[in-house]
Structure formats: structure tokens, C-alpha cells
Amino acid sequence: MVKVFAVSGSLITGNLKDLKELAEALSSHEEQVLVVTGAGNLKSYIKAAGKFGNQGEQDLVGITATRLNAKTLMTAMKNVYPSIPETAYDIREAASTGKNIVMGGLTPGHSTDAVAAIAAELVEAHLYIATSVDHVYDRDPENEDAEKYEEIDTDELRKVISGNNEAGGHELIDGTAVDIIDRSTVKTRLFKGNTENIRNPESCEGTDILPE
């Protein structure tokens, strides 16, 4: 069984000095691991491009940013496939080698989570979304009345994340990713992204996302 991780780019760009620890956590699994990285602090480039270009051009800048993070993480990973997959066909070819895989974005309009969901669907893997929060909440977790979900179905999740579709703006999970999880019935878990949780994604605090 392959494990697919959607890793917030902030775990890389904001913690470059701890890159070794993140890479070791991802490499610690007995199963083959496929990691999809986000843009992290490089989102500033996406927003800068938005002052001059359209949404599609911002998406292209975002894809480049995610691949830079992927290339950086690759340098510290063990038993890693030497190239960054850039198409769905590349994912299948890389997965067939049994080596760990690190990649960024694929298609304009698709978030890191959507790409990870597609990858998990293609290789029939479990999907783990390492993000900035420890659970899905029914509202902004900064709100003291916010309630966390231990599990949530995709229909309810769509209501929670409604409107989250701007390039570089997917802080939790976006609708495209939810649709892919729903259609593929990929087993999915969302949790706070840190090295301890990445080592033990099945047992850490988090939210299980259940296809409708």
C-alpha cells in the first residue's frame, strides 16, 4: 500500500533548517510514500503575479513554486525517485519503481490537496493531508465556539469550505479535492502537519474524511 501525503509548503519554506527532520519522518514509513508539496511562503510570488496577470498565470507561478519546494525536499529524502512527476502518467511510472516520490502541482486550478487526491486515486493509496490545523472545524478554529470533527462526510465538508478557490489560498482543503476524494472513495485523514504526526498519521489527532 502506498501512502500519499499532501504537505503544506509552509512546512518546508518556514522550516528549512528542520528539513532533515521532515524528510526523515516521511522516509520512516515501511510503505512507499508519495509526497505532494504546496507553495508555502512562496505564495507571495503568486500574489505578486496577480497584480499583473490573470488567474491562470497565477496558477502557473504556483505550480513552479510547489515544484521548487518538491525539489528542495527531494534532496533530503531517502530512496527517492530522481525526477519530479509533472503528469498523471509520470506518477504511475514513478510509482512502479517502488521508490519514494516527491512532486508539486500538475494542472492550473488544482490545489496541492487536489493533486494529492488524484495521485492517491491513481495508485490506490491512503491520503494524508498535513495542514495548519489539527482538525476540520465547523467554523474558524480561532472562534472559541468552533467545534471540531473527528470525522466528516464529503457533503458536509463542502459546506464548511465553500468559497475557498483562489490560487494560493487553500488553507484547509478545496472543493476539487473533496470531489476527487468522493468519487474515488480514497481513505483520507486531515491532521496538523508536524514531524511527529507525519510519522504516525493513523494514530494522531485529526479528522477522517468519509466519501458520501
C-alpha atoms as a PDB file:
ATOM      1  CA  MET A   1       0.000   0.000   0.000  1.00  0.00           C
ATOM      2  CA  VAL A   2       1.267   3.468  -0.928  1.00  0.00           C
ATOM      3  CA  LYS A   3       0.828   6.438   1.409  1.00  0.00           C
ATOM      4  CA  VAL A   4       0.196   9.814  -0.222  1.00  0.00           C
ATOM      5  CA  PHE A   5       0.929  12.941   1.813  1.00  0.00           C
ATOM      6  CA  ALA A   6      -0.252  16.426   0.912  1.00  0.00           C
ATOM      7  CA  VAL A   7       2.298  18.567   2.761  1.00  0.00           C
ATOM      8  CA  SER A   8       1.722  22.253   3.334  1.00  0.00           C
ATOM      9  CA  GLY A   9       4.510  24.211   1.695  1.00  0.00           C
ATOM     10  CA  SER A  10       4.946  26.204   4.903  1.00  0.00           C
ATOM     11  CA  LEU A  11       6.396  23.049   6.492  1.00  0.00           C
ATOM     12  CA  ILE A  12       9.255  23.420   4.022  1.00  0.00           C
ATOM     13  CA  THR A  13       9.688  27.141   3.383  1.00  0.00           C
ATOM     14  CA  GLY A  14       9.115  28.056   7.015  1.00  0.00           C
ATOM     15  CA  ASN A  15      11.358  25.321   8.439  1.00  0.00           C
ATOM     16  CA  LEU A  16      14.269  24.869   6.070  1.00  0.00           C
ATOM     17  CA  LYS A  17      16.623  24.377   8.997  1.00  0.00           C
ATOM     18  CA  ASP A  18      14.490  21.381  10.034  1.00  0.00           C
ATOM     19  CA  LEU A  19      14.242  19.906   6.537  1.00  0.00           C
ATOM     20  CA  LYS A  20      16.174  16.818   7.610  1.00  0.00           C
ATOM     21  CA  GLU A  21      13.604  16.033  10.332  1.00  0.00           C
ATOM     22  CA  LEU A  22      10.688  16.361   7.896  1.00  0.00           C
ATOM     23  CA  ALA A  23      12.443  14.189   5.313  1.00  0.00           C
ATOM     24  CA  GLU A  24      13.254  11.533   7.916  1.00  0.00           C
ATOM     25  CA  ALA A  25       9.642  11.485   9.120  1.00  0.00           C
ATOM     26  CA  LEU A  26       8.392  10.945   5.573  1.00  0.00           C
ATOM     27  CA  SER A  27      11.062   8.322   4.871  1.00  0.00           C
ATOM     28  CA  SER A  28      10.326   6.413   8.083  1.00  0.00           C
ATOM     29  CA  HIS A  29       7.311   4.549   6.684  1.00  0.00           C
ATOM     30  CA  GLU A  30       7.661   0.952   5.590  1.00  0.00           C
ATOM     31  CA  GLU A  31       5.300   1.654   2.699  1.00  0.00           C
ATOM     32  CA  GLN A  32       6.202   3.596  -0.420  1.00  0.00           C
ATOM     33  CA  VAL A  33       5.479   7.306   0.125  1.00  0.00           C
ATOM     34  CA  LEU A  34       4.328   9.871  -2.415  1.00  0.00           C
ATOM     35  CA  VAL A  35       4.572  13.484  -1.226  1.00  0.00           C
ATOM     36  CA  VAL A  36       2.836  16.441  -2.866  1.00  0.00           C
ATOM     37  CA  THR A  37       4.177  19.795  -1.658  1.00  0.00           C
ATOM     38  CA  GLY A  38       2.437  23.154  -1.526  1.00  0.00           C
ATOM     39  CA  ALA A  39       3.835  26.620  -2.213  1.00  0.00           C
ATOM     40  CA  GLY A  40       4.154  27.760   1.409  1.00  0.00           C
ATOM     41  CA  ASN A  41       5.769  31.179   1.824  1.00  0.00           C
ATOM     42  CA  LEU A  42       6.325  31.252  -1.935  1.00  0.00           C
ATOM     43  CA  LYS A  43       2.641  32.180  -2.216  1.00  0.00           C
ATOM     44  CA  SER A  44       3.880  35.767  -2.181  1.00  0.00           C
ATOM     45  CA  TYR A  45       5.063  35.176  -5.748  1.00  0.00           C
ATOM     46  CA  ILE A  46       1.571  34.022  -6.729  1.00  0.00           C
ATOM     47  CA  LYS A  47       0.008  37.135  -5.251  1.00  0.00           C
ATOM     48  CA  ALA A  48       2.602  39.364  -6.904  1.00  0.00           C
ATOM     49  CA  ALA A  49       1.811  37.807 -10.284  1.00  0.00           C
ATOM     50  CA  GLY A  50      -1.855  38.536  -9.644  1.00  0.00           C
ATOM     51  CA  LYS A  51      -1.147  42.266  -9.863  1.00  0.00           C
ATOM     52  CA  PHE A  52      -0.167  41.892 -13.498  1.00  0.00           C
ATOM     53  CA  GLY A  53      -1.585  38.615 -14.801  1.00  0.00           C
ATOM     54  CA  ASN A  54      -4.771  36.583 -14.710  1.00  0.00           C
ATOM     55  CA  GLN A  55      -5.790  33.631 -12.527  1.00  0.00           C
ATOM     56  CA  GLY A  56      -4.311  31.115 -14.968  1.00  0.00           C
ATOM     57  CA  GLU A  57      -0.936  32.834 -14.881  1.00  0.00           C
ATOM     58  CA  GLN A  58      -1.041  32.856 -11.088  1.00  0.00           C
ATOM     59  CA  ASP A  59      -1.697  29.112 -11.166  1.00  0.00           C
ATOM     60  CA  LEU A  60       1.380  28.578 -13.353  1.00  0.00           C
ATOM     61  CA  VAL A  61       3.534  30.559 -10.920  1.00  0.00           C
ATOM     62  CA  GLY A  62       2.062  28.472  -8.109  1.00  0.00           C
ATOM     63  CA  ILE A  63       2.932  25.200  -9.843  1.00  0.00           C
ATOM     64  CA  THR A  64       6.527  26.371 -10.266  1.00  0.00           C
ATOM     65  CA  ALA A  65       6.661  27.296  -6.563  1.00  0.00           C
ATOM     66  CA  THR A  66       5.405  23.889  -5.457  1.00  0.00           C
ATOM     67  CA  ARG A  67       7.947  22.132  -7.649  1.00  0.00           C
ATOM     68  CA  LEU A  68      10.755  24.202  -6.146  1.00  0.00           C
ATOM     69  CA  ASN A  69       9.683  23.017  -2.707  1.00  0.00           C
ATOM     70  CA  ALA A  70       9.455  19.452  -4.008  1.00  0.00           C
ATOM     71  CA  LYS A  71      12.965  19.622  -5.457  1.00  0.00           C
ATOM     72  CA  THR A  72      14.280  21.005  -2.166  1.00  0.00           C
ATOM     73  CA  LEU A  73      12.624  18.250  -0.122  1.00  0.00           C
ATOM     74  CA  MET A  74      13.886  15.587  -2.532  1.00  0.00           C
ATOM     75  CA  THR A  75      17.476  16.410  -1.651  1.00  0.00           C
ATOM     76  CA  ALA A  76      16.895  15.232   1.924  1.00  0.00           C
ATOM     77  CA  MET A  77      14.661  12.208   1.232  1.00  0.00           C
ATOM     78  CA  LYS A  78      15.833   8.586   1.188  1.00  0.00           C
ATOM     79  CA  ASN A  79      15.178   6.051  -1.579  1.00  0.00           C
ATOM     80  CA  VAL A  80      13.644   8.811  -3.674  1.00  0.00           C
ATOM     81  CA  TYR A  81      12.663   8.772  -7.347  1.00  0.00           C
ATOM     82  CA  PRO A  82      15.083  11.160  -9.114  1.00  0.00           C
ATOM     83  CA  SER A  83      12.554  13.168 -11.120  1.00  0.00           C
ATOM     84  CA  ILE A  84       9.504  15.248 -10.195  1.00  0.00           C
ATOM     85  CA  PRO A  85       6.372  13.861 -11.871  1.00  0.00           C
ATOM     86  CA  GLU A  86       4.692  16.523 -13.998  1.00  0.00           C
ATOM     87  CA  THR A  87       1.792  14.491 -15.413  1.00  0.00           C
ATOM     88  CA  ALA A  88      -0.526  11.725 -14.234  1.00  0.00           C
ATOM     89  CA  TYR A  89       1.398   9.318 -16.460  1.00  0.00           C
ATOM     90  CA  ASP A  90       4.628  10.328 -14.722  1.00  0.00           C
ATOM     91  CA  ILE A  91       3.038   9.469 -11.362  1.00  0.00           C
ATOM     92  CA  ARG A  92       2.245   5.925 -12.490  1.00  0.00           C
ATOM     93  CA  GLU A  93       5.718   5.418 -13.927  1.00  0.00           C
ATOM     94  CA  ALA A  94       7.388   6.688 -10.755  1.00  0.00           C
ATOM     95  CA  ALA A  95       5.128   4.612  -8.505  1.00  0.00           C
ATOM     96  CA  SER A  96       6.017   1.461 -10.426  1.00  0.00           C
ATOM     97  CA  THR A  97       9.639   1.748  -9.255  1.00  0.00           C
ATOM     98  CA  GLY A  98       8.775   1.383  -5.571  1.00  0.00           C
ATOM     99  CA  LYS A  99      10.836   4.453  -4.711  1.00  0.00           C
ATOM    100  CA  ASN A 100       9.512   7.348  -2.668  1.00  0.00           C
ATOM    101  CA  ILE A 101       8.161  10.188  -4.814  1.00  0.00           C
ATOM    102  CA  VAL A 102       8.142  13.940  -4.248  1.00  0.00           C
ATOM    103  CA  MET A 103       6.196  16.267  -6.523  1.00  0.00           C
ATOM    104  CA  GLY A 104       4.418  19.593  -6.746  1.00  0.00           C
ATOM    105  CA  GLY A 105       1.495  20.815  -8.817  1.00  0.00           C
ATOM    106  CA  LEU A 106       0.222  19.350 -12.060  1.00  0.00           C
ATOM    107  CA  THR A 107      -2.612  21.375 -13.549  1.00  0.00           C
ATOM    108  CA  PRO A 108      -3.713  25.021 -13.282  1.00  0.00           C
ATOM    109  CA  GLY A 109      -6.707  25.307 -10.987  1.00  0.00           C
ATOM    110  CA  HIS A 110      -5.795  22.280  -8.881  1.00  0.00           C
ATOM    111  CA  SER A 111      -4.625  22.779  -5.306  1.00  0.00           C
ATOM    112  CA  THR A 112      -1.972  20.672  -3.597  1.00  0.00           C
ATOM    113  CA  ASP A 113      -4.747  18.642  -1.972  1.00  0.00           C
ATOM    114  CA  ALA A 114      -6.479  18.044  -5.306  1.00  0.00           C
ATOM    115  CA  VAL A 115      -3.218  16.835  -6.862  1.00  0.00           C
ATOM    116  CA  ALA A 116      -2.597  14.566  -3.876  1.00  0.00           C
ATOM    117  CA  ALA A 117      -6.136  13.179  -4.169  1.00  0.00           C
ATOM    118  CA  ILE A 118      -5.587  12.451  -7.862  1.00  0.00           C
ATOM    119  CA  ALA A 119      -2.285  10.739  -7.065  1.00  0.00           C
ATOM    120  CA  ALA A 120      -3.924   8.662  -4.323  1.00  0.00           C
ATOM    121  CA  GLU A 121      -6.684   7.661  -6.729  1.00  0.00           C
ATOM    122  CA  LEU A 122      -4.209   6.650  -9.442  1.00  0.00           C
ATOM    123  CA  VAL A 123      -2.056   4.461  -7.187  1.00  0.00           C
ATOM    124  CA  GLU A 124      -4.938   3.309  -4.918  1.00  0.00           C
ATOM    125  CA  ALA A 125      -3.352   4.785  -1.815  1.00  0.00           C
ATOM    126  CA  HIS A 126      -4.388   6.228   1.522  1.00  0.00           C
ATOM    127  CA  LEU A 127      -4.319  10.037   1.560  1.00  0.00           C
ATOM    128  CA  TYR A 128      -2.956  12.079   4.468  1.00  0.00           C
ATOM    129  CA  ILE A 129      -3.377  15.855   4.435  1.00  0.00           C
ATOM    130  CA  ALA A 130      -0.848  17.635   6.662  1.00  0.00           C
ATOM    131  CA  THR A 131      -2.121  21.166   7.125  1.00  0.00           C
ATOM    132  CA  SER A 132      -2.025  24.121   9.516  1.00  0.00           C
ATOM    133  CA  VAL A 133      -4.910  22.930  11.730  1.00  0.00           C
ATOM    134  CA  ASP A 134      -5.371  19.776  13.799  1.00  0.00           C
ATOM    135  CA  HIS A 135      -8.929  19.016  12.661  1.00  0.00           C
ATOM    136  CA  VAL A 136     -11.661  20.197  10.365  1.00  0.00           C
ATOM    137  CA  TYR A 137     -13.775  22.671  12.342  1.00  0.00           C
ATOM    138  CA  ASP A 138     -17.306  23.871  11.683  1.00  0.00           C
ATOM    139  CA  ARG A 139     -16.017  27.467  11.612  1.00  0.00           C
ATOM    140  CA  ASP A 140     -12.760  29.388  12.035  1.00  0.00           C
ATOM    141  CA  PRO A 141     -10.886  27.489  14.785  1.00  0.00           C
ATOM    142  CA  GLU A 142      -9.868  30.853  16.254  1.00  0.00           C
ATOM    143  CA  ASN A 143     -13.510  31.170  17.291  1.00  0.00           C
ATOM    144  CA  GLU A 144     -13.909  29.828  20.832  1.00  0.00           C
ATOM    145  CA  ASP A 145     -17.235  28.266  19.828  1.00  0.00           C
ATOM    146  CA  ALA A 146     -15.693  26.305  16.964  1.00  0.00           C
ATOM    147  CA  GLU A 147     -16.363  22.582  17.133  1.00  0.00           C
ATOM    148  CA  LYS A 148     -14.013  20.020  15.644  1.00  0.00           C
ATOM    149  CA  TYR A 149     -14.986  16.991  13.608  1.00  0.00           C
ATOM    150  CA  GLU A 150     -13.455  13.616  14.391  1.00  0.00           C
ATOM    151  CA  GLU A 151     -14.941  12.544  11.071  1.00  0.00           C
ATOM    152  CA  ILE A 152     -16.891  14.342   8.385  1.00  0.00           C
ATOM    153  CA  ASP A 153     -18.541  13.241   5.158  1.00  0.00           C
ATOM    154  CA  THR A 154     -17.721  14.984   1.901  1.00  0.00           C
ATOM    155  CA  ASP A 155     -21.159  16.604   1.630  1.00  0.00           C
ATOM    156  CA  GLU A 156     -20.790  18.355   4.980  1.00  0.00           C
ATOM    157  CA  LEU A 157     -17.164  19.215   4.219  1.00  0.00           C
ATOM    158  CA  ARG A 158     -18.216  21.050   1.055  1.00  0.00           C
ATOM    159  CA  LYS A 159     -20.389  23.310   3.193  1.00  0.00           C
ATOM    160  CA  VAL A 160     -17.515  24.013   5.576  1.00  0.00           C
ATOM    161  CA  ILE A 161     -15.034  25.026   2.864  1.00  0.00           C
ATOM    162  CA  SER A 162     -17.464  26.761   0.495  1.00  0.00           C
ATOM    163  CA  GLY A 163     -15.835  29.582  -1.469  1.00  0.00           C
ATOM    164  CA  ASN A 164     -12.217  28.526  -0.942  1.00  0.00           C
ATOM    165  CA  ASN A 165     -10.995  28.501  -4.553  1.00  0.00           C
ATOM    166  CA  GLU A 166      -8.346  31.199  -5.092  1.00  0.00           C
ATOM    167  CA  ALA A 167      -4.814  30.378  -6.268  1.00  0.00           C
ATOM    168  CA  GLY A 168      -2.562  30.077  -3.235  1.00  0.00           C
ATOM    169  CA  GLY A 169      -5.500  30.266  -0.871  1.00  0.00           C
ATOM    170  CA  HIS A 170      -6.291  26.674   0.058  1.00  0.00           C
ATOM    171  CA  GLU A 171      -5.595  26.707   3.793  1.00  0.00           C
ATOM    172  CA  LEU A 172      -7.765  23.694   4.633  1.00  0.00           C
ATOM    173  CA  ILE A 173      -8.918  21.770   1.568  1.00  0.00           C
ATOM    174  CA  ASP A 174     -10.676  22.864  -1.604  1.00  0.00           C
ATOM    175  CA  GLY A 175     -13.791  21.643  -3.378  1.00  0.00           C
ATOM    176  CA  THR A 176     -11.953  19.938  -6.232  1.00  0.00           C
ATOM    177  CA  ALA A 177     -10.015  17.786  -3.780  1.00  0.00           C
ATOM    178  CA  VAL A 178     -13.244  16.893  -1.972  1.00  0.00           C
ATOM    179  CA  ASP A 179     -14.870  15.881  -5.274  1.00  0.00           C
ATOM    180  CA  ILE A 180     -11.944  13.587  -6.123  1.00  0.00           C
ATOM    181  CA  ILE A 181     -11.989  12.019  -2.653  1.00  0.00           C
ATOM    182  CA  ASP A 182     -15.722  11.462  -3.056  1.00  0.00           C
ATOM    183  CA  ARG A 183     -15.589   9.827  -6.484  1.00  0.00           C
ATOM    184  CA  SER A 184     -12.585   7.637  -5.722  1.00  0.00           C
ATOM    185  CA  THR A 185     -13.554   6.669  -2.140  1.00  0.00           C
ATOM    186  CA  VAL A 186      -9.922   7.310  -1.158  1.00  0.00           C
ATOM    187  CA  LYS A 187      -9.380   6.825   2.575  1.00  0.00           C
ATOM    188  CA  THR A 188      -8.419  10.317   3.763  1.00  0.00           C
ATOM    189  CA  ARG A 189      -7.248  11.843   7.034  1.00  0.00           C
ATOM    190  CA  LEU A 190      -6.501  15.512   7.784  1.00  0.00           C
ATOM    191  CA  PHE A 191      -4.210  16.496  10.663  1.00  0.00           C
ATOM    192  CA  LYS A 192      -1.818  19.180  11.851  1.00  0.00           C
ATOM    193  CA  GLY A 193       1.393  18.996   9.887  1.00  0.00           C
ATOM    194  CA  ASN A 194       4.364  18.281  12.116  1.00  0.00           C
ATOM    195  CA  THR A 195       7.017  15.584  12.038  1.00  0.00           C
ATOM    196  CA  GLU A 196       5.515  13.524  14.859  1.00  0.00           C
ATOM    197  CA  ASN A 197       2.114  13.364  13.171  1.00  0.00           C
ATOM    198  CA  ILE A 198       3.660  12.629   9.778  1.00  0.00           C
ATOM    199  CA  ARG A 199       5.429   9.653  11.346  1.00  0.00           C
ATOM    200  CA  ASN A 200       2.146   8.412  12.867  1.00  0.00           C
ATOM    201  CA  PRO A 201      -0.704   9.695  10.687  1.00  0.00           C
ATOM    202  CA  GLU A 202      -3.083   6.867  11.558  1.00  0.00           C
ATOM    203  CA  SER A 203      -2.948   7.433  15.311  1.00  0.00           C
ATOM    204  CA  CYS A 204      -2.528  11.212  15.664  1.00  0.00           C
ATOM    205  CA  GLU A 205      -5.340  13.672  16.346  1.00  0.00           C
ATOM    206  CA  GLY A 206      -7.180  14.521  13.138  1.00  0.00           C
ATOM    207  CA  THR A 207     -10.331  14.303  11.055  1.00  0.00           C
ATOM    208  CA  ASP A 208     -11.273  11.337   8.880  1.00  0.00           C
ATOM    209  CA  ILE A 209     -12.956  12.424   5.643  1.00  0.00           C
ATOM    210  CA  LEU A 210     -15.635   9.985   4.540  1.00  0.00           C
ATOM    211  CA  PRO A 211     -16.852   9.781   0.921  1.00  0.00           C
ATOM    212  CA  GLU A 212     -20.612  10.306   0.674  1.00  0.00           C
END
